[in-house]
Amino acid sequence: MTLKASRRHMKRVLCALYRLTGETTHAHYPLEAIMRKLPPAMRDTVKRALKQLEAEGLVYRKGGTKSYGLTQEGLEKVREICIEE
């Protein structure tokens, strides 16, 4: 049974990635850097959230590495989400 990350966790991961990458879709950061931007209690759900965000087309994974960046669609969505927080 695969557990899913909640929508709230997915939003927080998306905002953390946005804080790292800024206003670009070209930057990508390793999983560890994304985890450092989030509270320690939430770090176990980061991988699940990133997988779900990738499946939704909001995040991309760079090559075969564990580096992640925002897609254009993800950048547009994150602007709405992170302004609300």
PDB file of N, CA and C in Angstrom:
ATOM      1  N   MET A   1       0.833  -1.183   0.000  1.00  0.00           N
ATOM      2  CA  MET A   1       0.000   0.000   0.000  1.00  0.00           C
ATOM      3  C   MET A   1       0.878   1.247   0.000  1.00  0.00           C
ATOM      4  N   THR A   2       0.684   2.104  -0.964  1.00  0.00           N
ATOM      5  CA  THR A   2       1.448   3.332  -1.074  1.00  0.00           C
ATOM      6  C   THR A   2       0.664   4.477  -0.449  1.00  0.00           C
ATOM      7  N   LEU A   3       1.292   5.154   0.467  1.00  0.00           N
ATOM      8  CA  LEU A   3       0.650   6.298   1.101  1.00  0.00           C
ATOM      9  C   LEU A   3       0.831   7.526   0.234  1.00  0.00           C
ATOM     10  N   LYS A   4      -0.175   8.372   0.224  1.00  0.00           N
ATOM     11  CA  LYS A   4      -0.085   9.615  -0.537  1.00  0.00           C
ATOM     12  C   LYS A   4       0.159  10.770   0.418  1.00  0.00           C
ATOM     13  N   ALA A   5       0.835  11.759  -0.088  1.00  0.00           N
ATOM     14  CA  ALA A   5       1.045  12.978   0.688  1.00  0.00           C
ATOM     15  C   ALA A   5      -0.229  13.809   0.607  1.00  0.00           C
ATOM     16  N   SER A   6      -0.516  14.524   1.671  1.00  0.00           N
ATOM     17  CA  SER A   6      -1.715  15.370   1.670  1.00  0.00           C
ATOM     18  C   SER A   6      -1.490  16.579   0.760  1.00  0.00           C
ATOM     19  N   ARG A   7      -2.581  17.204   0.364  1.00  0.00           N
ATOM     20  CA  ARG A   7      -2.508  18.402  -0.481  1.00  0.00           C
ATOM     21  C   ARG A   7      -1.705  19.501   0.222  1.00  0.00           C
ATOM     22  N   ARG A   8      -1.883  19.607   1.524  1.00  0.00           N
ATOM     23  CA  ARG A   8      -1.163  20.633   2.286  1.00  0.00           C
ATOM     24  C   ARG A   8       0.339  20.397   2.233  1.00  0.00           C
ATOM     25  N   HIS A   9       0.754  19.130   2.371  1.00  0.00           N
ATOM     26  CA  HIS A   9       2.179  18.804   2.280  1.00  0.00           C
ATOM     27  C   HIS A   9       2.720  19.076   0.881  1.00  0.00           C
ATOM     28  N   MET A  10       1.917  18.755  -0.121  1.00  0.00           N
ATOM     29  CA  MET A  10       2.351  18.997  -1.490  1.00  0.00           C
ATOM     30  C   MET A  10       2.540  20.491  -1.740  1.00  0.00           C
ATOM     31  N   LYS A  11       1.646  21.313  -1.199  1.00  0.00           N
ATOM     32  CA  LYS A  11       1.774  22.762  -1.347  1.00  0.00           C
ATOM     33  C   LYS A  11       3.030  23.274  -0.665  1.00  0.00           C
ATOM     34  N   ARG A  12       3.324  22.744   0.514  1.00  0.00           N
ATOM     35  CA  ARG A  12       4.515  23.192   1.247  1.00  0.00           C
ATOM     36  C   ARG A  12       5.791  22.799   0.524  1.00  0.00           C
ATOM     37  N   VAL A  13       5.821  21.603  -0.060  1.00  0.00           N
ATOM     38  CA  VAL A  13       6.983  21.168  -0.828  1.00  0.00           C
ATOM     39  C   VAL A  13       7.139  22.040  -2.073  1.00  0.00           C
ATOM     40  N   LEU A  14       6.043  22.331  -2.731  1.00  0.00           N
ATOM     41  CA  LEU A  14       6.065  23.180  -3.919  1.00  0.00           C
ATOM     42  C   LEU A  14       6.598  24.572  -3.570  1.00  0.00           C
ATOM     43  N   CYS A  15       6.162  25.140  -2.456  1.00  0.00           N
ATOM     44  CA  CYS A  15       6.639  26.458  -2.031  1.00  0.00           C
ATOM     45  C   CYS A  15       8.118  26.421  -1.643  1.00  0.00           C
ATOM     46  N   ALA A  16       8.555  25.344  -1.017  1.00  0.00           N
ATOM     47  CA  ALA A  16       9.972  25.209  -0.665  1.00  0.00           C
ATOM     48  C   ALA A  16      10.831  25.172  -1.925  1.00  0.00           C
ATOM     49  N   LEU A  17      10.384  24.441  -2.923  1.00  0.00           N
ATOM     50  CA  LEU A  17      11.112  24.376  -4.185  1.00  0.00           C
ATOM     51  C   LEU A  17      11.118  25.740  -4.867  1.00  0.00           C
ATOM     52  N   TYR A  18      10.027  26.461  -4.779  1.00  0.00           N
ATOM     53  CA  TYR A  18       9.934  27.804  -5.351  1.00  0.00           C
ATOM     54  C   TYR A  18      10.916  28.758  -4.664  1.00  0.00           C
ATOM     55  N   ARG A  19      11.025  28.661  -3.336  1.00  0.00           N
ATOM     56  CA  ARG A  19      11.974  29.514  -2.612  1.00  0.00           C
ATOM     57  C   ARG A  19      13.409  29.230  -3.042  1.00  0.00           C
ATOM     58  N   LEU A  20      13.691  28.003  -3.404  1.00  0.00           N
ATOM     59  CA  LEU A  20      15.032  27.653  -3.869  1.00  0.00           C
ATOM     60  C   LEU A  20      15.285  28.103  -5.305  1.00  0.00           C
ATOM     61  N   THR A  21      14.338  27.838  -6.189  1.00  0.00           N
ATOM     62  CA  THR A  21      14.556  28.082  -7.614  1.00  0.00           C
ATOM     63  C   THR A  21      14.232  29.502  -8.049  1.00  0.00           C
ATOM     64  N   GLY A  22      13.341  30.168  -7.335  1.00  0.00           N
ATOM     65  CA  GLY A  22      12.958  31.515  -7.733  1.00  0.00           C
ATOM     66  C   GLY A  22      12.036  31.507  -8.937  1.00  0.00           C
ATOM     67  N   GLU A  23      12.132  32.516  -9.744  1.00  0.00           N
ATOM     68  CA  GLU A  23      11.235  32.710 -10.884  1.00  0.00           C
ATOM     69  C   GLU A  23      11.768  32.041 -12.153  1.00  0.00           C
ATOM     70  N   THR A  24      12.284  30.842 -12.054  1.00  0.00           N
ATOM     71  CA  THR A  24      12.820  30.172 -13.230  1.00  0.00           C
ATOM     72  C   THR A  24      12.441  28.699 -13.250  1.00  0.00           C
ATOM     73  N   THR A  25      12.361  28.169 -14.448  1.00  0.00           N
ATOM     74  CA  THR A  25      12.113  26.731 -14.595  1.00  0.00           C
ATOM     75  C   THR A  25      13.401  25.990 -14.899  1.00  0.00           C
ATOM     76  N   HIS A  26      14.503  26.717 -15.025  1.00  0.00           N
ATOM     77  CA  HIS A  26      15.778  26.102 -15.401  1.00  0.00           C
ATOM     78  C   HIS A  26      16.574  25.592 -14.198  1.00  0.00           C
ATOM     79  N   ALA A  27      16.341  26.173 -13.040  1.00  0.00           N
ATOM     80  CA  ALA A  27      17.081  25.765 -11.846  1.00  0.00           C
ATOM     81  C   ALA A  27      16.498  24.474 -11.284  1.00  0.00           C
ATOM     82  N   HIS A  28      17.363  23.654 -10.732  1.00  0.00           N
ATOM     83  CA  HIS A  28      16.922  22.436 -10.060  1.00  0.00           C
ATOM     84  C   HIS A  28      17.820  22.205  -8.853  1.00  0.00           C
ATOM     85  N   TYR A  29      17.231  21.632  -7.817  1.00  0.00           N
ATOM     86  CA  TYR A  29      17.945  21.437  -6.560  1.00  0.00           C
ATOM     87  C   TYR A  29      17.790  20.011  -6.079  1.00  0.00           C
ATOM     88  N   PRO A  30      18.803  19.507  -5.367  1.00  0.00           N
ATOM     89  CA  PRO A  30      18.734  18.136  -4.859  1.00  0.00           C
ATOM     90  C   PRO A  30      17.686  17.977  -3.757  1.00  0.00           C
ATOM     91  N   LEU A  31      17.257  16.760  -3.605  1.00  0.00           N
ATOM     92  CA  LEU A  31      16.260  16.411  -2.597  1.00  0.00           C
ATOM     93  C   LEU A  31      16.657  16.913  -1.208  1.00  0.00           C
ATOM     94  N   GLU A  32      17.909  16.789  -0.854  1.00  0.00           N
ATOM     95  CA  GLU A  32      18.381  17.200   0.472  1.00  0.00           C
ATOM     96  C   GLU A  32      18.188  18.696   0.701  1.00  0.00           C
ATOM     97  N   ALA A  33      18.410  19.501  -0.331  1.00  0.00           N
ATOM     98  CA  ALA A  33      18.232  20.949  -0.200  1.00  0.00           C
ATOM     99  C   ALA A  33      16.759  21.290   0.019  1.00  0.00           C
ATOM    100  N   ILE A  34      15.878  20.578  -0.661  1.00  0.00           N
ATOM    101  CA  ILE A  34      14.439  20.806  -0.491  1.00  0.00           C
ATOM    102  C   ILE A  34      14.027  20.426   0.927  1.00  0.00           C
ATOM    103  N   MET A  35      14.546  19.313   1.413  1.00  0.00           N
ATOM    104  CA  MET A  35      14.208  18.854   2.764  1.00  0.00           C
ATOM    105  C   MET A  35      14.655  19.847   3.828  1.00  0.00           C
ATOM    106  N   ARG A  36      15.784  20.512   3.604  1.00  0.00           N
ATOM    107  CA  ARG A  36      16.283  21.484   4.578  1.00  0.00           C
ATOM    108  C   ARG A  36      15.378  22.710   4.699  1.00  0.00           C
ATOM    109  N   LYS A  37      14.562  22.971   3.699  1.00  0.00           N
ATOM    110  CA  LYS A  37      13.654  24.121   3.730  1.00  0.00           C
ATOM    111  C   LYS A  37      12.347  23.816   4.472  1.00  0.00           C
ATOM    112  N   LEU A  38      12.181  22.575   4.898  1.00  0.00           N
ATOM    113  CA  LEU A  38      10.936  22.149   5.541  1.00  0.00           C
ATOM    114  C   LEU A  38      11.192  21.700   6.976  1.00  0.00           C
ATOM    115  N   PRO A  39      10.157  21.701   7.808  1.00  0.00           N
ATOM    116  CA  PRO A  39      10.316  21.249   9.187  1.00  0.00           C
ATOM    117  C   PRO A  39      10.732  19.771   9.239  1.00  0.00           C
ATOM    118  N   PRO A  40      11.545  19.387  10.204  1.00  0.00           N
ATOM    119  CA  PRO A  40      12.019  17.997  10.307  1.00  0.00           C
ATOM    120  C   PRO A  40      10.891  16.965  10.353  1.00  0.00           C
ATOM    121  N   ALA A  41       9.777  17.290  10.978  1.00  0.00           N
ATOM    122  CA  ALA A  41       8.666  16.336  11.091  1.00  0.00           C
ATOM    123  C   ALA A  41       8.046  16.021   9.736  1.00  0.00           C
ATOM    124  N   MET A  42       8.213  16.896   8.782  1.00  0.00           N
ATOM    125  CA  MET A  42       7.583  16.715   7.482  1.00  0.00           C
ATOM    126  C   MET A  42       8.500  16.045   6.456  1.00  0.00           C
ATOM    127  N   ARG A  43       9.746  15.884   6.774  1.00  0.00           N
ATOM    128  CA  ARG A  43      10.732  15.421   5.801  1.00  0.00           C
ATOM    129  C   ARG A  43      10.473  14.021   5.255  1.00  0.00           C
ATOM    130  N   ASP A  44       9.788  13.187   5.997  1.00  0.00           N
ATOM    131  CA  ASP A  44       9.518  11.830   5.501  1.00  0.00           C
ATOM    132  C   ASP A  44       8.464  11.816   4.391  1.00  0.00           C
ATOM    133  N   THR A  45       7.687  12.863   4.278  1.00  0.00           N
ATOM    134  CA  THR A  45       6.654  12.906   3.232  1.00  0.00           C
ATOM    135  C   THR A  45       7.112  13.644   1.979  1.00  0.00           C
ATOM    136  N   VAL A  46       8.311  14.212   2.004  1.00  0.00           N
ATOM    137  CA  VAL A  46       8.794  15.006   0.869  1.00  0.00           C
ATOM    138  C   VAL A  46       8.906  14.166  -0.397  1.00  0.00           C
ATOM    139  N   LYS A  47       9.457  12.974  -0.295  1.00  0.00           N
ATOM    140  CA  LYS A  47       9.614  12.119  -1.478  1.00  0.00           C
ATOM    141  C   LYS A  47       8.265  11.775  -2.099  1.00  0.00           C
ATOM    142  N   ARG A  48       7.305  11.429  -1.251  1.00  0.00           N
ATOM    143  CA  ARG A  48       5.961  11.108  -1.765  1.00  0.00           C
ATOM    144  C   ARG A  48       5.331  12.322  -2.431  1.00  0.00           C
ATOM    145  N   ALA A  49       5.468  13.477  -1.798  1.00  0.00           N
ATOM    146  CA  ALA A  49       4.896  14.696  -2.363  1.00  0.00           C
ATOM    147  C   ALA A  49       5.541  15.022  -3.706  1.00  0.00           C
ATOM    148  N   LEU A  50       6.853  14.879  -3.804  1.00  0.00           N
ATOM    149  CA  LEU A  50       7.539  15.166  -5.065  1.00  0.00           C
ATOM    150  C   LEU A  50       7.099  14.205  -6.169  1.00  0.00           C
ATOM    151  N   LYS A  51       6.899  12.941  -5.830  1.00  0.00           N
ATOM    152  CA  LYS A  51       6.424  11.977  -6.830  1.00  0.00           C
ATOM    153  C   LYS A  51       5.045  12.362  -7.349  1.00  0.00           C
ATOM    154  N   GLN A  52       4.168  12.766  -6.435  1.00  0.00           N
ATOM    155  CA  GLN A  52       2.816  13.173  -6.835  1.00  0.00           C
ATOM    156  C   GLN A  52       2.846  14.457  -7.657  1.00  0.00           C
ATOM    157  N   LEU A  53       3.672  15.409  -7.264  1.00  0.00           N
ATOM    158  CA  LEU A  53       3.796  16.658  -8.013  1.00  0.00           C
ATOM    159  C   LEU A  53       4.371  16.404  -9.400  1.00  0.00           C
ATOM    160  N   GLU A  54       5.293  15.463  -9.489  1.00  0.00           N
ATOM    161  CA  GLU A  54       5.864  15.095 -10.785  1.00  0.00           C
ATOM    162  C   GLU A  54       4.794  14.450 -11.671  1.00  0.00           C
ATOM    163  N   ALA A  55       3.975  13.595 -11.087  1.00  0.00           N
ATOM    164  CA  ALA A  55       2.894  12.946 -11.840  1.00  0.00           C
ATOM    165  C   ALA A  55       1.862  13.961 -12.335  1.00  0.00           C
ATOM    166  N   GLU A  56       1.662  15.032 -11.583  1.00  0.00           N
ATOM    167  CA  GLU A  56       0.717  16.079 -11.972  1.00  0.00           C
ATOM    168  C   GLU A  56       1.326  17.074 -12.958  1.00  0.00           C
ATOM    169  N   GLY A  57       2.619  16.952 -13.224  1.00  0.00           N
ATOM    170  CA  GLY A  57       3.271  17.826 -14.187  1.00  0.00           C
ATOM    171  C   GLY A  57       3.695  19.174 -13.629  1.00  0.00           C
ATOM    172  N   LEU A  58       3.784  19.303 -12.322  1.00  0.00           N
ATOM    173  CA  LEU A  58       4.177  20.569 -11.703  1.00  0.00           C
ATOM    174  C   LEU A  58       5.665  20.630 -11.398  1.00  0.00           C
ATOM    175  N   VAL A  59       6.294  19.472 -11.297  1.00  0.00           N
ATOM    176  CA  VAL A  59       7.709  19.357 -10.957  1.00  0.00           C
ATOM    177  C   VAL A  59       8.349  18.394 -11.942  1.00  0.00           C
ATOM    178  N   TYR A  60       9.608  18.629 -12.271  1.00  0.00           N
ATOM    179  CA  TYR A  60      10.345  17.668 -13.097  1.00  0.00           C
ATOM    180  C   TYR A  60      11.584  17.203 -12.350  1.00  0.00           C
ATOM    181  N   ARG A  61      12.034  16.023 -12.692  1.00  0.00           N
ATOM    182  CA  ARG A  61      13.257  15.480 -12.105  1.00  0.00           C
ATOM    183  C   ARG A  61      14.342  15.567 -13.165  1.00  0.00           C
ATOM    184  N   LYS A  62      15.470  16.102 -12.799  1.00  0.00           N
ATOM    185  CA  LYS A  62      16.566  16.316 -13.733  1.00  0.00           C
ATOM    186  C   LYS A  62      17.293  15.004 -14.000  1.00  0.00           C
ATOM    187  N   GLY A  63      17.201  14.543 -15.230  1.00  0.00           N
ATOM    188  CA  GLY A  63      17.918  13.340 -15.643  1.00  0.00           C
ATOM    189  C   GLY A  63      17.657  12.165 -14.726  1.00  0.00           C
ATOM    190  N   GLY A  64      18.694  11.440 -14.393  1.00  0.00           N
ATOM    191  CA  GLY A  64      18.565  10.295 -13.503  1.00  0.00           C
ATOM    192  C   GLY A  64      18.898  10.650 -12.071  1.00  0.00           C
ATOM    193  N   THR A  65      19.098  11.939 -11.808  1.00  0.00           N
ATOM    194  CA  THR A  65      19.494  12.356 -10.465  1.00  0.00           C
ATOM    195  C   THR A  65      18.277  12.600  -9.583  1.00  0.00           C
ATOM    196  N   LYS A  66      18.534  12.964  -8.363  1.00  0.00           N
ATOM    197  CA  LYS A  66      17.451  13.308  -7.442  1.00  0.00           C
ATOM    198  C   LYS A  66      17.374  14.816  -7.276  1.00  0.00           C
ATOM    199  N   SER A  67      17.502  15.528  -8.393  1.00  0.00           N
ATOM    200  CA  SER A  67      17.343  16.978  -8.405  1.00  0.00           C
ATOM    201  C   SER A  67      15.994  17.305  -9.019  1.00  0.00           C
ATOM    202  N   TYR A  68      15.333  18.287  -8.447  1.00  0.00           N
ATOM    203  CA  TYR A  68      13.988  18.639  -8.883  1.00  0.00           C
ATOM    204  C   TYR A  68      13.899  20.123  -9.213  1.00  0.00           C
ATOM    205  N   GLY A  69      13.040  20.443 -10.175  1.00  0.00           N
ATOM    206  CA  GLY A  69      12.784  21.821 -10.561  1.00  0.00           C
ATOM    207  C   GLY A  69      11.313  21.990 -10.881  1.00  0.00           C
ATOM    208  N   LEU A  70      10.897  23.220 -11.095  1.00  0.00           N
ATOM    209  CA  LEU A  70       9.500  23.519 -11.410  1.00  0.00           C
ATOM    210  C   LEU A  70       9.287  23.540 -12.918  1.00  0.00           C
ATOM    211  N   THR A  71       8.181  22.993 -13.363  1.00  0.00           N
ATOM    212  CA  THR A  71       7.778  23.131 -14.758  1.00  0.00           C
ATOM    213  C   THR A  71       7.109  24.492 -14.912  1.00  0.00           C
ATOM    214  N   GLN A  72       6.817  24.886 -16.127  1.00  0.00           N
ATOM    215  CA  GLN A  72       6.140  26.167 -16.347  1.00  0.00           C
ATOM    216  C   GLN A  72       4.772  26.170 -15.662  1.00  0.00           C
ATOM    217  N   GLU A  73       4.054  25.070 -15.776  1.00  0.00           N
ATOM    218  CA  GLU A  73       2.751  24.951 -15.114  1.00  0.00           C
ATOM    219  C   GLU A  73       2.907  25.030 -13.597  1.00  0.00           C
ATOM    220  N   GLY A  74       3.948  24.381 -13.081  1.00  0.00           N
ATOM    221  CA  GLY A  74       4.214  24.415 -11.645  1.00  0.00           C
ATOM    222  C   GLY A  74       4.553  25.806 -11.168  1.00  0.00           C
ATOM    223  N   LEU A  75       5.311  26.544 -11.969  1.00  0.00           N
ATOM    224  CA  LEU A  75       5.673  27.911 -11.615  1.00  0.00           C
ATOM    225  C   LEU A  75       4.441  28.806 -11.539  1.00  0.00           C
ATOM    226  N   GLU A  76       3.542  28.652 -12.491  1.00  0.00           N
ATOM    227  CA  GLU A  76       2.310  29.448 -12.475  1.00  0.00           C
ATOM    228  C   GLU A  76       1.449  29.108 -11.259  1.00  0.00           C
ATOM    229  N   LYS A  77       1.333  27.823 -10.959  1.00  0.00           N
ATOM    230  CA  LYS A  77       0.507  27.392  -9.823  1.00  0.00           C
ATOM    231  C   LYS A  77       1.124  27.825  -8.493  1.00  0.00           C
ATOM    232  N   VAL A  78       2.433  27.724  -8.384  1.00  0.00           N
ATOM    233  CA  VAL A  78       3.100  28.049  -7.121  1.00  0.00           C
ATOM    234  C   VAL A  78       3.016  29.539  -6.818  1.00  0.00           C
ATOM    235  N   ARG A  79       2.961  30.363  -7.831  1.00  0.00           N
ATOM    236  CA  ARG A  79       2.790  31.803  -7.598  1.00  0.00           C
ATOM    237  C   ARG A  79       1.482  32.070  -6.881  1.00  0.00           C
ATOM    238  N   GLU A  80       0.428  31.372  -7.269  1.00  0.00           N
ATOM    239  CA  GLU A  80      -0.876  31.520  -6.601  1.00  0.00           C
ATOM    240  C   GLU A  80      -0.819  30.985  -5.178  1.00  0.00           C
ATOM    241  N   ILE A  81      -0.243  29.812  -5.010  1.00  0.00           N
ATOM    242  CA  ILE A  81      -0.232  29.127  -3.713  1.00  0.00           C
ATOM    243  C   ILE A  81       0.617  29.858  -2.691  1.00  0.00           C
ATOM    244  N   CYS A  82       1.825  30.221  -3.047  1.00  0.00           N
ATOM    245  CA  CYS A  82       2.749  30.815  -2.077  1.00  0.00           C
ATOM    246  C   CYS A  82       2.384  32.235  -1.707  1.00  0.00           C
ATOM    247  N   ILE A  83       1.667  32.923  -2.547  1.00  0.00           N
ATOM    248  CA  ILE A  83       1.201  34.272  -2.209  1.00  0.00           C
ATOM    249  C   ILE A  83       0.123  34.178  -1.132  1.00  0.00           C
ATOM    250  N   GLU A  84      -0.681  33.090  -1.158  1.00  0.00           N
ATOM    251  CA  GLU A  84      -1.746  32.890  -0.178  1.00  0.00           C
ATOM    252  C   GLU A  84      -1.190  32.631   1.212  1.00  0.00           C
ATOM    253  N   GLU A  85      -0.016  31.974   1.290  1.00  0.00           N
ATOM    254  CA  GLU A  85       0.540  31.602   2.606  1.00  0.00           C
ATOM    255  C   GLU A  85       1.161  32.760   3.333  1.00  0.00           C
TER     256      GLU A  85
END
